[in-house]
Amino acid sequence: MDWETLDSTESLQAALDASHKQVVVLFKHSTRCSVSRMALKMTTNAWDLPDSVRPFLLDLLAHRDVSQRITDTLKIHHESPQMLVIQNGECIHHANHSYIDPTAVKAYL
């Protein structure tokens, strides 16, 4: 799987726009957190979703403004690590820490 990078509010808007055509997964990752590293690795290794699902990765420490925009736009309390499933511009599923499981996305396809 290849993560697309969320590195600006414009790239976030592009991801939200894309969610009107396909399911989008946003993974909020802290590069300083071992739990986040483990969740990201497990998510990447367990990813067996169709190519129609677009995965985006946000480095929280480098792009705090994008993280805040996600919180403001989607009205989902910030956690790290956090996986959000977006469809039609809305968060339809989210999970934090050890509850992150990419297979949960299949229920929304």
C-alpha atoms as a PDB file:
ATOM      1  CA  MET A   1       0.000   0.000   0.000  1.00  0.00           C
ATOM      2  CA  ASP A   2       1.113   3.540  -0.637  1.00  0.00           C
ATOM      3  CA  TRP A   3       0.111   6.262   1.775  1.00  0.00           C
ATOM      4  CA  GLU A   4      -0.694   9.635   0.257  1.00  0.00           C
ATOM      5  CA  THR A   5       0.692  12.468   2.362  1.00  0.00           C
ATOM      6  CA  LEU A   6      -1.504  15.003   4.097  1.00  0.00           C
ATOM      7  CA  ASP A   7       0.809  17.977   4.404  1.00  0.00           C
ATOM      8  CA  SER A   8      -1.444  20.990   3.943  1.00  0.00           C
ATOM      9  CA  THR A   9      -5.009  22.082   4.444  1.00  0.00           C
ATOM     10  CA  GLU A  10      -5.311  21.943   0.645  1.00  0.00           C
ATOM     11  CA  SER A  11      -4.338  18.259   0.587  1.00  0.00           C
ATOM     12  CA  LEU A  12      -6.886  17.642   3.364  1.00  0.00           C
ATOM     13  CA  GLN A  13      -9.564  19.340   1.282  1.00  0.00           C
ATOM     14  CA  ALA A  14      -8.566  17.195  -1.704  1.00  0.00           C
ATOM     15  CA  ALA A  15      -8.951  14.079   0.466  1.00  0.00           C
ATOM     16  CA  LEU A  16     -12.366  15.232   1.699  1.00  0.00           C
ATOM     17  CA  ASP A  17     -13.420  15.970  -1.890  1.00  0.00           C
ATOM     18  CA  ALA A  18     -12.218  12.500  -2.956  1.00  0.00           C
ATOM     19  CA  SER A  19     -14.391  10.952  -0.231  1.00  0.00           C
ATOM     20  CA  HIS A  20     -17.457  11.822  -2.305  1.00  0.00           C
ATOM     21  CA  LYS A  21     -16.289   9.311  -4.922  1.00  0.00           C
ATOM     22  CA  GLN A  22     -14.535   6.688  -2.797  1.00  0.00           C
ATOM     23  CA  VAL A  23     -13.830   5.747   0.809  1.00  0.00           C
ATOM     24  CA  VAL A  24     -10.890   7.673   2.271  1.00  0.00           C
ATOM     25  CA  VAL A  25      -8.840   6.630   5.307  1.00  0.00           C
ATOM     26  CA  LEU A  26      -6.928   9.273   7.273  1.00  0.00           C
ATOM     27  CA  PHE A  27      -4.227   8.014   9.632  1.00  0.00           C
ATOM     28  CA  LYS A  28      -3.004  10.576  12.169  1.00  0.00           C
ATOM     29  CA  HIS A  29       0.510   9.582  13.196  1.00  0.00           C
ATOM     30  CA  SER A  30       2.915  10.962  15.788  1.00  0.00           C
ATOM     31  CA  THR A  31       6.505  10.237  14.787  1.00  0.00           C
ATOM     32  CA  ARG A  32       7.621  10.474  18.435  1.00  0.00           C
ATOM     33  CA  CYS A  33       5.171   7.930  19.808  1.00  0.00           C
ATOM     34  CA  SER A  34       5.942   4.210  19.957  1.00  0.00           C
ATOM     35  CA  VAL A  35       2.232   3.331  20.133  1.00  0.00           C
ATOM     36  CA  SER A  36       1.643   5.342  16.979  1.00  0.00           C
ATOM     37  CA  ARG A  37       4.585   3.657  15.227  1.00  0.00           C
ATOM     38  CA  MET A  38       3.204   0.245  16.165  1.00  0.00           C
ATOM     39  CA  ALA A  39      -0.336   1.119  15.033  1.00  0.00           C
ATOM     40  CA  LEU A  40       0.961   2.467  11.725  1.00  0.00           C
ATOM     41  CA  LYS A  41       3.077  -0.636  11.122  1.00  0.00           C
ATOM     42  CA  MET A  42       0.197  -2.960  11.994  1.00  0.00           C
ATOM     43  CA  THR A  43      -2.173  -0.994   9.767  1.00  0.00           C
ATOM     44  CA  THR A  44       0.244  -1.040   6.852  1.00  0.00           C
ATOM     45  CA  ASN A  45       0.965  -4.768   7.276  1.00  0.00           C
ATOM     46  CA  ALA A  46      -2.706  -5.741   7.666  1.00  0.00           C
ATOM     47  CA  TRP A  47      -3.948  -3.545   4.805  1.00  0.00           C
ATOM     48  CA  ASP A  48      -5.828  -5.748   2.339  1.00  0.00           C
ATOM     49  CA  LEU A  49      -8.397  -3.252   1.151  1.00  0.00           C
ATOM     50  CA  PRO A  50      -9.212  -2.652  -2.499  1.00  0.00           C
ATOM     51  CA  ASP A  51      -7.392   0.023  -4.469  1.00  0.00           C
ATOM     52  CA  SER A  52     -10.610   2.041  -4.441  1.00  0.00           C
ATOM     53  CA  VAL A  53      -9.877   2.975  -0.793  1.00  0.00           C
ATOM     54  CA  ARG A  54      -7.505   5.953  -0.627  1.00  0.00           C
ATOM     55  CA  PRO A  55      -5.204   6.001   2.412  1.00  0.00           C
ATOM     56  CA  PHE A  56      -3.742   9.309   3.629  1.00  0.00           C
ATOM     57  CA  LEU A  57      -1.051   9.721   6.287  1.00  0.00           C
ATOM     58  CA  LEU A  58      -0.668  12.818   8.449  1.00  0.00           C
ATOM     59  CA  ASP A  59       2.540  13.518  10.395  1.00  0.00           C
ATOM     60  CA  LEU A  60       0.968  15.264  13.375  1.00  0.00           C
ATOM     61  CA  LEU A  61       4.142  16.920  14.583  1.00  0.00           C
ATOM     62  CA  ALA A  62       5.010  18.440  11.223  1.00  0.00           C
ATOM     63  CA  HIS A  63       1.466  19.497  10.339  1.00  0.00           C
ATOM     64  CA  ARG A  64      -0.431  20.472  13.463  1.00  0.00           C
ATOM     65  CA  ASP A  65      -2.531  22.909  11.429  1.00  0.00           C
ATOM     66  CA  VAL A  66      -3.870  20.048   9.308  1.00  0.00           C
ATOM     67  CA  SER A  67      -4.646  18.017  12.427  1.00  0.00           C
ATOM     68  CA  GLN A  68      -6.556  20.941  13.905  1.00  0.00           C
ATOM     69  CA  ARG A  69      -8.474  21.397  10.651  1.00  0.00           C
ATOM     70  CA  ILE A  70      -9.478  17.719  10.757  1.00  0.00           C
ATOM     71  CA  THR A  71     -10.790  18.184  14.292  1.00  0.00           C
ATOM     72  CA  ASP A  72     -12.656  21.370  13.369  1.00  0.00           C
ATOM     73  CA  THR A  73     -14.094  20.053  10.109  1.00  0.00           C
ATOM     74  CA  LEU A  74     -15.051  16.520  11.102  1.00  0.00           C
ATOM     75  CA  LYS A  75     -15.925  17.247  14.752  1.00  0.00           C
ATOM     76  CA  ILE A  76     -13.921  14.242  15.954  1.00  0.00           C
ATOM     77  CA  HIS A  77     -11.897  14.609  19.159  1.00  0.00           C
ATOM     78  CA  HIS A  78      -8.170  14.475  18.398  1.00  0.00           C
ATOM     79  CA  GLU A  79      -6.286  11.337  19.399  1.00  0.00           C
ATOM     80  CA  SER A  80      -2.924   9.958  18.396  1.00  0.00           C
ATOM     81  CA  PRO A  81      -2.659   7.613  16.734  1.00  0.00           C
ATOM     82  CA  GLN A  82      -6.041   7.790  15.096  1.00  0.00           C
ATOM     83  CA  MET A  83      -7.631   6.287  11.998  1.00  0.00           C
ATOM     84  CA  LEU A  84     -10.651   7.972  10.450  1.00  0.00           C
ATOM     85  CA  VAL A  85     -12.828   6.560   7.683  1.00  0.00           C
ATOM     86  CA  ILE A  86     -14.316   9.333   5.559  1.00  0.00           C
ATOM     87  CA  GLN A  87     -17.204   9.031   3.138  1.00  0.00           C
ATOM     88  CA  ASN A  88     -19.088  11.913   1.512  1.00  0.00           C
ATOM     89  CA  GLY A  89     -17.053  14.406   3.524  1.00  0.00           C
ATOM     90  CA  GLU A  90     -18.044  12.917   6.894  1.00  0.00           C
ATOM     91  CA  CYS A  91     -16.289  10.666   9.374  1.00  0.00           C
ATOM     92  CA  ILE A  92     -18.245   7.409   9.439  1.00  0.00           C
ATOM     93  CA  HIS A  93     -15.811   5.477  11.657  1.00  0.00           C
ATOM     94  CA  HIS A  94     -12.821   6.313  13.817  1.00  0.00           C
ATOM     95  CA  ALA A  95     -10.534   4.359  16.090  1.00  0.00           C
ATOM     96  CA  ASN A  96      -7.651   5.245  18.376  1.00  0.00           C
ATOM     97  CA  HIS A  97      -4.564   3.569  19.776  1.00  0.00           C
ATOM     98  CA  SER A  98      -4.782  -0.234  19.922  1.00  0.00           C
ATOM     99  CA  TYR A  99      -8.353  -0.184  18.575  1.00  0.00           C
ATOM    100  CA  ILE A 100      -7.115   0.768  15.098  1.00  0.00           C
ATOM    101  CA  ASP A 101      -7.929  -2.059  12.687  1.00  0.00           C
ATOM    102  CA  PRO A 102      -7.914  -1.532   8.930  1.00  0.00           C
ATOM    103  CA  THR A 103     -10.227  -4.505   8.413  1.00  0.00           C
ATOM    104  CA  ALA A 104     -12.981  -2.445  10.081  1.00  0.00           C
ATOM    105  CA  VAL A 105     -13.039  -0.322   6.917  1.00  0.00           C
ATOM    106  CA  LYS A 106     -14.529  -3.253   4.989  1.00  0.00           C
ATOM    107  CA  ALA A 107     -17.882  -2.705   6.711  1.00  0.00           C
ATOM    108  CA  TYR A 108     -18.138   0.680   4.935  1.00  0.00           C
ATOM    109  CA  LEU A 109     -17.356  -0.459   1.388  1.00  0.00           C
END
